[in-house]
Structure formats: C-alpha cells, structure tokens
Amino acid sequence: MSKTYAIIGGNSGLGLATVRRLLAAGHRVTAAARQAGPLAVLGVPVQPFDALAPSAPVWPERLDGLVYCPGTIALKPFHRLAEDDFLRDYRVNVLGAVAALQSALPALKASGDASVVLFSTVAVAQGLPMHASIASAKGAVEGLTRSLAAEWAPHIRVNAIAPSLTDTPLAGPLLNSDLKREAAGKRHPLQRIGAPEDIAALVEHLLGEHARFMTGQVLHVDGGLSAVRTFA
C-alpha cells in the first residue's frame, strides 16, 4: 500500500538512496532541504530547511513516516575542539531533528501507525579517536530515540541507525584517495566500507510494516565494527 513519507535532507548520500527506494516502491515522498537539488529532479516537492537554523515546514495532513538525514563529520583531536564545534554538531544532529519532529508530529499522529528513523554513528558504541564532538551529539540522538519511542508508543515507532563510514559526499574527505579507502575498509571485519544502499534498505524496512514490532532500537549497520573482532 502506498504511503507518504517525509525526508529531511535527502539530496545526497543516504537520504537520496532512501528517496529512490521509496519512490521505486510506489510511495509518495515530500522533503525539506537546504536546496531543491536532485530531489526536485526526481519530482519530490522540497521545502526550505536548514538544520543550523531550522524552520517549521508545512507537511501534509498525514505522514506515515519521517527520516532525518542531516549530519556532520568534523573530526579533530579533543584539544583542538572549540565550544562552537560541539554546538554545531549538536544543532545539526539533535536540535534540527527536534525541530523537524515537532513540526511533523500532528501529521505523524494522524497516521495512527507512523515510523521515525534517525541516524547515530558507530562512534557512540565503539570509542574512536577524533570523534568526541560528533559522538557526543549522536549519543544525544540515541537518547532522543529511546525517549520518543516511549513517549509516542503505541502509534509512532522511533528507531535509529548507527552506520560506520559510508561512501557518501559527507564522508568524502575521509575517502578521497585509494589508500584511504583501502585502509578504511580494512578496519572493518567485513573488509569494506558501507554503501548508501546498505543503509537505505534498512531505512525502508524500518518505515514499513515488516518492522511494526520494533521501536526504541539503535541498529548497527557498521560492517561488524562495533561488535566483532577478527584475527589477522
């Protein structure tokens, strides 16, 4: 059955891969992003949204799900992190999501069986150097996920996905040479980095009826990095 989903962001990487999957499955997608970009080319209506200064988009009367895609990757040693670094990561990853969810809540409630998908990072479960700011912000996203899952049950499910390094424009500076890509892949038990489609497939699952008994979960799609150790 065709449903209506809201995507925040979605002009590249995980968001764009998700939009393409949802459209291919026959669903309706509406979006809010900094610019129309590839979403408009796909025929998706796009409203303005900047995670650093979020507005309140006007949504359809009913939404069956919402996916919040904006994120940050600004890795620095702890001693070089300024307060503004922490605040920017928190604003984009947490407060932007809060604004989007508050604006969409009436439409999600109208569905009676809606699903929200947020994004964390493997760096919350697996301590990684240079990740103090983003891991702090995404830790807050995980807390938000569980809190809203409890508060909005039983009619709105809330889950989060915690990927490892994925081949997206956001991660471009970390993957801009063959050497970097090879080294990144070797850090994972599955010996590769993630692809946007790996994550988008799980987003589609969480939005759909097959995940109706799942809420408050943080799912690790990270090539085994957070849970598995292999012998060389």
C-alpha atoms as a PDB file:
ATOM      1  CA  MET A   1       0.000   0.000   0.000  1.00  0.00           C
ATOM      2  CA  SER A   2       1.345   3.417  -0.959  1.00  0.00           C
ATOM      3  CA  LYS A   3       2.302   5.653   1.961  1.00  0.00           C
ATOM      4  CA  THR A   4       3.513   9.222   2.437  1.00  0.00           C
ATOM      5  CA  TYR A   5       6.954   9.841   3.893  1.00  0.00           C
ATOM      6  CA  ALA A   6       8.853  13.000   4.800  1.00  0.00           C
ATOM      7  CA  ILE A   7      12.603  13.168   4.255  1.00  0.00           C
ATOM      8  CA  ILE A   8      14.673  15.889   5.902  1.00  0.00           C
ATOM      9  CA  GLY A   9      17.732  16.415   3.736  1.00  0.00           C
ATOM     10  CA  GLY A  10      17.941  13.791   1.044  1.00  0.00           C
ATOM     11  CA  ASN A  11      19.858  15.460  -1.762  1.00  0.00           C
ATOM     12  CA  SER A  12      22.834  13.120  -1.464  1.00  0.00           C
ATOM     13  CA  GLY A  13      24.182  10.016   0.201  1.00  0.00           C
ATOM     14  CA  LEU A  14      21.924   8.011   2.493  1.00  0.00           C
ATOM     15  CA  GLY A  15      18.964  10.328   2.069  1.00  0.00           C
ATOM     16  CA  LEU A  16      18.979  10.281  -1.719  1.00  0.00           C
ATOM     17  CA  ALA A  17      19.373   6.498  -1.797  1.00  0.00           C
ATOM     18  CA  THR A  18      16.403   6.230   0.558  1.00  0.00           C
ATOM     19  CA  VAL A  19      14.239   8.536  -1.546  1.00  0.00           C
ATOM     20  CA  ARG A  20      14.981   6.500  -4.652  1.00  0.00           C
ATOM     21  CA  ARG A  21      14.000   3.260  -2.902  1.00  0.00           C
ATOM     22  CA  LEU A  22      10.766   4.722  -1.577  1.00  0.00           C
ATOM     23  CA  LEU A  23       9.779   6.149  -4.953  1.00  0.00           C
ATOM     24  CA  ALA A  24      10.599   2.858  -6.684  1.00  0.00           C
ATOM     25  CA  ALA A  25       8.298   1.103  -4.218  1.00  0.00           C
ATOM     26  CA  GLY A  26       5.450   3.424  -5.196  1.00  0.00           C
ATOM     27  CA  HIS A  27       5.385   5.629  -2.100  1.00  0.00           C
ATOM     28  CA  ARG A  28       4.861   9.384  -2.007  1.00  0.00           C
ATOM     29  CA  VAL A  29       7.789  11.422  -0.728  1.00  0.00           C
ATOM     30  CA  THR A  30       7.877  15.031   0.410  1.00  0.00           C
ATOM     31  CA  ALA A  31      11.085  16.683   1.559  1.00  0.00           C
ATOM     32  CA  ALA A  32      12.643  19.623   3.345  1.00  0.00           C
ATOM     33  CA  ALA A  33      16.233  20.558   2.493  1.00  0.00           C
ATOM     34  CA  ARG A  34      18.588  23.482   2.022  1.00  0.00           C
ATOM     35  CA  GLN A  35      18.045  23.360  -1.739  1.00  0.00           C
ATOM     36  CA  ALA A  36      15.874  21.524  -4.237  1.00  0.00           C
ATOM     37  CA  GLY A  37      18.773  19.733  -5.941  1.00  0.00           C
ATOM     38  CA  PRO A  38      18.386  16.126  -7.117  1.00  0.00           C
ATOM     39  CA  LEU A  39      15.154  15.764  -5.145  1.00  0.00           C
ATOM     40  CA  ALA A  40      13.401  18.158  -7.498  1.00  0.00           C
ATOM     41  CA  VAL A  41      14.767  16.244 -10.491  1.00  0.00           C
ATOM     42  CA  LEU A  42      13.087  13.138  -9.048  1.00  0.00           C
ATOM     43  CA  GLY A  43       9.800  15.051  -8.797  1.00  0.00           C
ATOM     44  CA  VAL A  44       9.871  15.321  -4.999  1.00  0.00           C
ATOM     45  CA  PRO A  45       8.389  18.562  -3.589  1.00  0.00           C
ATOM     46  CA  VAL A  46      11.032  20.305  -1.469  1.00  0.00           C
ATOM     47  CA  GLN A  47      10.558  22.947   1.219  1.00  0.00           C
ATOM     48  CA  PRO A  48      13.412  25.023   2.666  1.00  0.00           C
ATOM     49  CA  PHE A  49      15.104  23.605   5.776  1.00  0.00           C
ATOM     50  CA  ASP A  50      18.473  24.469   7.310  1.00  0.00           C
ATOM     51  CA  ALA A  51      19.451  22.299  10.269  1.00  0.00           C
ATOM     52  CA  LEU A  52      21.517  25.144  11.756  1.00  0.00           C
ATOM     53  CA  ALA A  53      18.504  27.470  11.775  1.00  0.00           C
ATOM     54  CA  PRO A  54      15.529  25.154  11.339  1.00  0.00           C
ATOM     55  CA  SER A  55      12.174  26.420  10.171  1.00  0.00           C
ATOM     56  CA  ALA A  56       8.831  24.620  10.536  1.00  0.00           C
ATOM     57  CA  PRO A  57       7.922  23.004   7.205  1.00  0.00           C
ATOM     58  CA  VAL A  58       4.277  22.700   6.256  1.00  0.00           C
ATOM     59  CA  TRP A  59       3.524  18.994   5.960  1.00  0.00           C
ATOM     60  CA  PRO A  60       0.590  17.091   4.504  1.00  0.00           C
ATOM     61  CA  GLU A  61      -2.223  16.360   6.954  1.00  0.00           C
ATOM     62  CA  ARG A  62      -0.943  12.785   7.302  1.00  0.00           C
ATOM     63  CA  LEU A  63       2.591  11.391   7.310  1.00  0.00           C
ATOM     64  CA  ASP A  64       3.308   7.696   7.636  1.00  0.00           C
ATOM     65  CA  GLY A  65       6.951   8.272   8.458  1.00  0.00           C
ATOM     66  CA  LEU A  66       9.825  10.738   8.717  1.00  0.00           C
ATOM     67  CA  VAL A  67      13.554  10.274   8.132  1.00  0.00           C
ATOM     68  CA  TYR A  68      16.007  12.876   9.412  1.00  0.00           C
ATOM     69  CA  CYS A  69      19.199  12.788   7.332  1.00  0.00           C
ATOM     70  CA  PRO A  70      21.326  15.908   8.097  1.00  0.00           C
ATOM     71  CA  GLY A  71      24.592  15.108   9.811  1.00  0.00           C
ATOM     72  CA  THR A  72      28.173  16.216  10.339  1.00  0.00           C
ATOM     73  CA  ILE A  73      31.640  14.728  10.146  1.00  0.00           C
ATOM     74  CA  ALA A  74      34.239  17.146  11.506  1.00  0.00           C
ATOM     75  CA  LEU A  75      36.911  15.053  13.154  1.00  0.00           C
ATOM     76  CA  LYS A  76      39.504  16.770  15.350  1.00  0.00           C
ATOM     77  CA  PRO A  77      41.734  15.901  18.297  1.00  0.00           C
ATOM     78  CA  PHE A  78      39.955  16.765  21.540  1.00  0.00           C
ATOM     79  CA  HIS A  79      42.408  19.532  22.440  1.00  0.00           C
ATOM     80  CA  ARG A  80      41.582  21.331  19.190  1.00  0.00           C
ATOM     81  CA  LEU A  81      37.806  21.212  19.614  1.00  0.00           C
ATOM     82  CA  ALA A  82      36.189  24.525  20.480  1.00  0.00           C
ATOM     83  CA  GLU A  83      32.792  25.077  22.043  1.00  0.00           C
ATOM     84  CA  ASP A  84      31.451  26.083  18.640  1.00  0.00           C
ATOM     85  CA  ASP A  85      32.391  22.655  17.236  1.00  0.00           C
ATOM     86  CA  PHE A  86      30.305  20.913  19.886  1.00  0.00           C
ATOM     87  CA  LEU A  87      27.429  23.363  19.447  1.00  0.00           C
ATOM     88  CA  ARG A  88      27.368  22.979  15.665  1.00  0.00           C
ATOM     89  CA  ASP A  89      27.292  19.195  15.857  1.00  0.00           C
ATOM     90  CA  TYR A  90      24.522  19.346  18.452  1.00  0.00           C
ATOM     91  CA  ARG A  91      22.455  21.839  16.478  1.00  0.00           C
ATOM     92  CA  VAL A  92      22.626  19.908  13.221  1.00  0.00           C
ATOM     93  CA  ASN A  93      22.193  16.395  14.605  1.00  0.00           C
ATOM     94  CA  VAL A  94      19.893  16.950  17.587  1.00  0.00           C
ATOM     95  CA  LEU A  95      18.136  20.309  17.542  1.00  0.00           C
ATOM     96  CA  GLY A  96      17.476  20.096  13.796  1.00  0.00           C
ATOM     97  CA  ALA A  97      15.833  16.716  14.341  1.00  0.00           C
ATOM     98  CA  VAL A  98      13.821  18.111  17.251  1.00  0.00           C
ATOM     99  CA  ALA A  99      12.500  20.964  15.112  1.00  0.00           C
ATOM    100  CA  ALA A 100      11.581  18.653  12.243  1.00  0.00           C
ATOM    101  CA  LEU A 101       9.832  16.173  14.526  1.00  0.00           C
ATOM    102  CA  GLN A 102       7.887  18.816  16.408  1.00  0.00           C
ATOM    103  CA  SER A 103       6.640  20.303  13.147  1.00  0.00           C
ATOM    104  CA  ALA A 104       5.641  16.892  11.795  1.00  0.00           C
ATOM    105  CA  LEU A 105       4.105  15.458  14.967  1.00  0.00           C
ATOM    106  CA  PRO A 106       0.452  16.274  14.172  1.00  0.00           C
ATOM    107  CA  ALA A 107       0.793  14.636  10.748  1.00  0.00           C
ATOM    108  CA  LEU A 108       2.539  11.588  12.223  1.00  0.00           C
ATOM    109  CA  LYS A 109      -0.195  11.227  14.836  1.00  0.00           C
ATOM    110  CA  ALA A 110      -2.821  11.379  12.091  1.00  0.00           C
ATOM    111  CA  SER A 111      -1.346   8.253  10.522  1.00  0.00           C
ATOM    112  CA  GLY A 112      -2.039   6.117  13.567  1.00  0.00           C
ATOM    113  CA  ASP A 113       0.863   3.847  12.597  1.00  0.00           C
ATOM    114  CA  ALA A 114       3.846   6.032  11.746  1.00  0.00           C
ATOM    115  CA  SER A 115       7.596   5.430  11.875  1.00  0.00           C
ATOM    116  CA  VAL A 116      10.521   7.778  12.516  1.00  0.00           C
ATOM    117  CA  VAL A 117      14.118   6.976  11.573  1.00  0.00           C
ATOM    118  CA  LEU A 118      17.047   8.955  12.969  1.00  0.00           C
ATOM    119  CA  PHE A 119      20.782   8.479  12.453  1.00  0.00           C
ATOM    120  CA  SER A 120      23.506   7.886  15.028  1.00  0.00           C
ATOM    121  CA  THR A 121      27.051   6.634  14.423  1.00  0.00           C
ATOM    122  CA  VAL A 122      29.170   3.621  15.297  1.00  0.00           C
ATOM    123  CA  ALA A 123      31.355   6.053  17.277  1.00  0.00           C
ATOM    124  CA  VAL A 124      28.823   6.086  20.126  1.00  0.00           C
ATOM    125  CA  ALA A 125      29.089   2.346  20.783  1.00  0.00           C
ATOM    126  CA  GLN A 126      32.734   1.986  19.718  1.00  0.00           C
ATOM    127  CA  GLY A 127      35.098   4.600  21.074  1.00  0.00           C
ATOM    128  CA  LEU A 128      37.031   6.162  18.205  1.00  0.00           C
ATOM    129  CA  PRO A 129      39.724   8.845  18.369  1.00  0.00           C
ATOM    130  CA  MET A 130      38.923  12.309  16.974  1.00  0.00           C
ATOM    131  CA  HIS A 131      35.169  11.701  17.385  1.00  0.00           C
ATOM    132  CA  ALA A 132      34.483  13.421  20.738  1.00  0.00           C
ATOM    133  CA  SER A 133      32.158  16.103  19.346  1.00  0.00           C
ATOM    134  CA  ILE A 134      30.130  14.036  16.885  1.00  0.00           C
ATOM    135  CA  ALA A 135      29.907  11.053  19.255  1.00  0.00           C
ATOM    136  CA  SER A 136      28.562  13.362  21.973  1.00  0.00           C
ATOM    137  CA  ALA A 137      25.884  14.722  19.640  1.00  0.00           C
ATOM    138  CA  LYS A 138      24.908  11.327  18.272  1.00  0.00           C
ATOM    139  CA  GLY A 139      24.768   9.941  21.808  1.00  0.00           C
ATOM    140  CA  ALA A 140      22.078  12.548  22.399  1.00  0.00           C
ATOM    141  CA  VAL A 141      20.285  11.320  19.259  1.00  0.00           C
ATOM    142  CA  GLU A 142      20.218   7.808  20.711  1.00  0.00           C
ATOM    143  CA  GLY A 143      18.760   9.156  23.945  1.00  0.00           C
ATOM    144  CA  LEU A 144      16.158  11.099  21.972  1.00  0.00           C
ATOM    145  CA  THR A 145      15.286   7.963  20.016  1.00  0.00           C
ATOM    146  CA  ARG A 146      14.532   5.921  23.109  1.00  0.00           C
ATOM    147  CA  SER A 147      12.725   8.717  24.908  1.00  0.00           C
ATOM    148  CA  LEU A 148      10.397   9.446  21.993  1.00  0.00           C
ATOM    149  CA  ALA A 149       9.843   5.739  21.362  1.00  0.00           C
ATOM    150  CA  ALA A 150       8.469   5.507  24.902  1.00  0.00           C
ATOM    151  CA  GLU A 151       6.500   8.754  24.773  1.00  0.00           C
ATOM    152  CA  TRP A 152       4.940   8.181  21.348  1.00  0.00           C
ATOM    153  CA  ALA A 153       4.093   4.491  21.680  1.00  0.00           C
ATOM    154  CA  PRO A 154       1.988   2.749  20.501  1.00  0.00           C
ATOM    155  CA  HIS A 155       1.134   4.803  17.425  1.00  0.00           C
ATOM    156  CA  ILE A 156       4.536   6.203  16.367  1.00  0.00           C
ATOM    157  CA  ARG A 157       7.627   3.989  16.269  1.00  0.00           C
ATOM    158  CA  VAL A 158      11.055   5.633  16.646  1.00  0.00           C
ATOM    159  CA  ASN A 159      14.306   3.870  15.749  1.00  0.00           C
ATOM    160  CA  ALA A 160      17.842   4.930  14.862  1.00  0.00           C
ATOM    161  CA  ILE A 161      20.527   3.545  12.574  1.00  0.00           C
ATOM    162  CA  ALA A 162      24.175   3.777  13.610  1.00  0.00           C
ATOM    163  CA  PRO A 163      26.332   3.310  10.499  1.00  0.00           C
ATOM    164  CA  SER A 164      30.060   3.135  10.207  1.00  0.00           C
ATOM    165  CA  LEU A 165      31.944   5.002   7.484  1.00  0.00           C
ATOM    166  CA  THR A 166      29.779   5.040   4.363  1.00  0.00           C
ATOM    167  CA  ASP A 167      30.635   6.127   0.835  1.00  0.00           C
ATOM    168  CA  THR A 168      28.754   9.437   0.746  1.00  0.00           C
ATOM    169  CA  PRO A 169      29.694  13.039  -0.098  1.00  0.00           C
ATOM    170  CA  LEU A 170      29.664  13.832   3.642  1.00  0.00           C
ATOM    171  CA  ALA A 171      32.458  11.294   4.145  1.00  0.00           C
ATOM    172  CA  GLY A 172      34.296  12.419   1.019  1.00  0.00           C
ATOM    173  CA  PRO A 173      37.312  13.959   2.798  1.00  0.00           C
ATOM    174  CA  LEU A 174      37.920  10.627   4.559  1.00  0.00           C
ATOM    175  CA  LEU A 175      37.758   8.632   1.321  1.00  0.00           C
ATOM    176  CA  ASN A 176      39.415  10.903  -1.224  1.00  0.00           C
ATOM    177  CA  SER A 177      42.218   8.527  -2.189  1.00  0.00           C
ATOM    178  CA  ASP A 178      42.551   4.827  -2.950  1.00  0.00           C
ATOM    179  CA  LEU A 179      44.866   4.477   0.046  1.00  0.00           C
ATOM    180  CA  LYS A 180      42.332   5.989   2.429  1.00  0.00           C
ATOM    181  CA  ARG A 181      39.516   3.836   1.050  1.00  0.00           C
ATOM    182  CA  GLU A 182      41.581   0.671   1.374  1.00  0.00           C
ATOM    183  CA  ALA A 183      42.650   1.491   4.930  1.00  0.00           C
ATOM    184  CA  ALA A 184      39.071   2.327   5.937  1.00  0.00           C
ATOM    185  CA  GLY A 185      37.794  -0.947   4.546  1.00  0.00           C
ATOM    186  CA  LYS A 186      40.424  -2.969   6.378  1.00  0.00           C
ATOM    187  CA  ARG A 187      39.319  -1.526   9.732  1.00  0.00           C
ATOM    188  CA  HIS A 188      36.002  -3.361   9.388  1.00  0.00           C
ATOM    189  CA  PRO A 189      35.561  -7.110   9.961  1.00  0.00           C
ATOM    190  CA  LEU A 190      33.692  -7.289   6.631  1.00  0.00           C
ATOM    191  CA  GLN A 191      36.694  -5.619   4.959  1.00  0.00           C
ATOM    192  CA  ARG A 192      34.789  -2.859   3.210  1.00  0.00           C
ATOM    193  CA  ILE A 193      33.088   0.445   3.882  1.00  0.00           C
ATOM    194  CA  GLY A 194      29.351   0.895   3.687  1.00  0.00           C
ATOM    195  CA  ALA A 195      27.366   1.876   0.610  1.00  0.00           C
ATOM    196  CA  PRO A 196      24.360   4.233   0.775  1.00  0.00           C
ATOM    197  CA  GLU A 197      22.133   1.417  -0.469  1.00  0.00           C
ATOM    198  CA  ASP A 198      23.123  -0.720   2.545  1.00  0.00           C
ATOM    199  CA  ILE A 199      21.615   1.887   4.843  1.00  0.00           C
ATOM    200  CA  ALA A 200      18.685   2.860   2.628  1.00  0.00           C
ATOM    201  CA  ALA A 201      17.449  -0.730   2.565  1.00  0.00           C
ATOM    202  CA  LEU A 202      17.245  -0.738   6.365  1.00  0.00           C
ATOM    203  CA  VAL A 203      15.513   2.663   6.406  1.00  0.00           C
ATOM    204  CA  GLU A 204      12.860   1.315   4.054  1.00  0.00           C
ATOM    205  CA  HIS A 205      12.437  -1.730   6.293  1.00  0.00           C
ATOM    206  CA  LEU A 206      12.047   0.373   9.450  1.00  0.00           C
ATOM    207  CA  LEU A 207       9.450   2.588   7.781  1.00  0.00           C
ATOM    208  CA  GLY A 208       7.416  -0.355   6.576  1.00  0.00           C
ATOM    209  CA  GLU A 209       5.038  -2.913   8.010  1.00  0.00           C
ATOM    210  CA  HIS A 210       7.694  -5.607   8.484  1.00  0.00           C
ATOM    211  CA  ALA A 211       9.158  -3.537  11.349  1.00  0.00           C
ATOM    212  CA  ARG A 212       5.859  -2.886  13.152  1.00  0.00           C
ATOM    213  CA  PHE A 213       7.138  -4.636  16.311  1.00  0.00           C
ATOM    214  CA  MET A 214      10.326  -2.561  16.534  1.00  0.00           C
ATOM    215  CA  THR A 215      10.741   0.678  18.420  1.00  0.00           C
ATOM    216  CA  GLY A 216      13.398   2.318  20.575  1.00  0.00           C
ATOM    217  CA  GLN A 217      16.186   0.417  18.802  1.00  0.00           C
ATOM    218  CA  VAL A 218      19.605   1.593  17.657  1.00  0.00           C
ATOM    219  CA  LEU A 219      20.625  -0.679  14.794  1.00  0.00           C
ATOM    220  CA  HIS A 220      24.317  -1.009  13.969  1.00  0.00           C
ATOM    221  CA  VAL A 221      24.997  -1.248  10.240  1.00  0.00           C
ATOM    222  CA  ASP A 222      28.744  -0.977  10.577  1.00  0.00           C
ATOM    223  CA  GLY A 223      30.451  -3.943   8.943  1.00  0.00           C
ATOM    224  CA  GLY A 224      30.818  -5.546  12.376  1.00  0.00           C
ATOM    225  CA  LEU A 225      32.998  -2.736  13.730  1.00  0.00           C
ATOM    226  CA  SER A 226      31.100  -2.247  16.992  1.00  0.00           C
ATOM    227  CA  ALA A 227      30.697  -5.928  17.886  1.00  0.00           C
ATOM    228  CA  VAL A 228      33.172  -8.191  16.100  1.00  0.00           C
ATOM    229  CA  ARG A 229      36.924  -8.716  16.258  1.00  0.00           C
ATOM    230  CA  THR A 230      38.699 -10.851  13.682  1.00  0.00           C
ATOM    231  CA  PHE A 231      42.197 -12.338  13.792  1.00  0.00           C
ATOM    232  CA  ALA A 232      44.701 -11.163  11.188  1.00  0.00           C
END
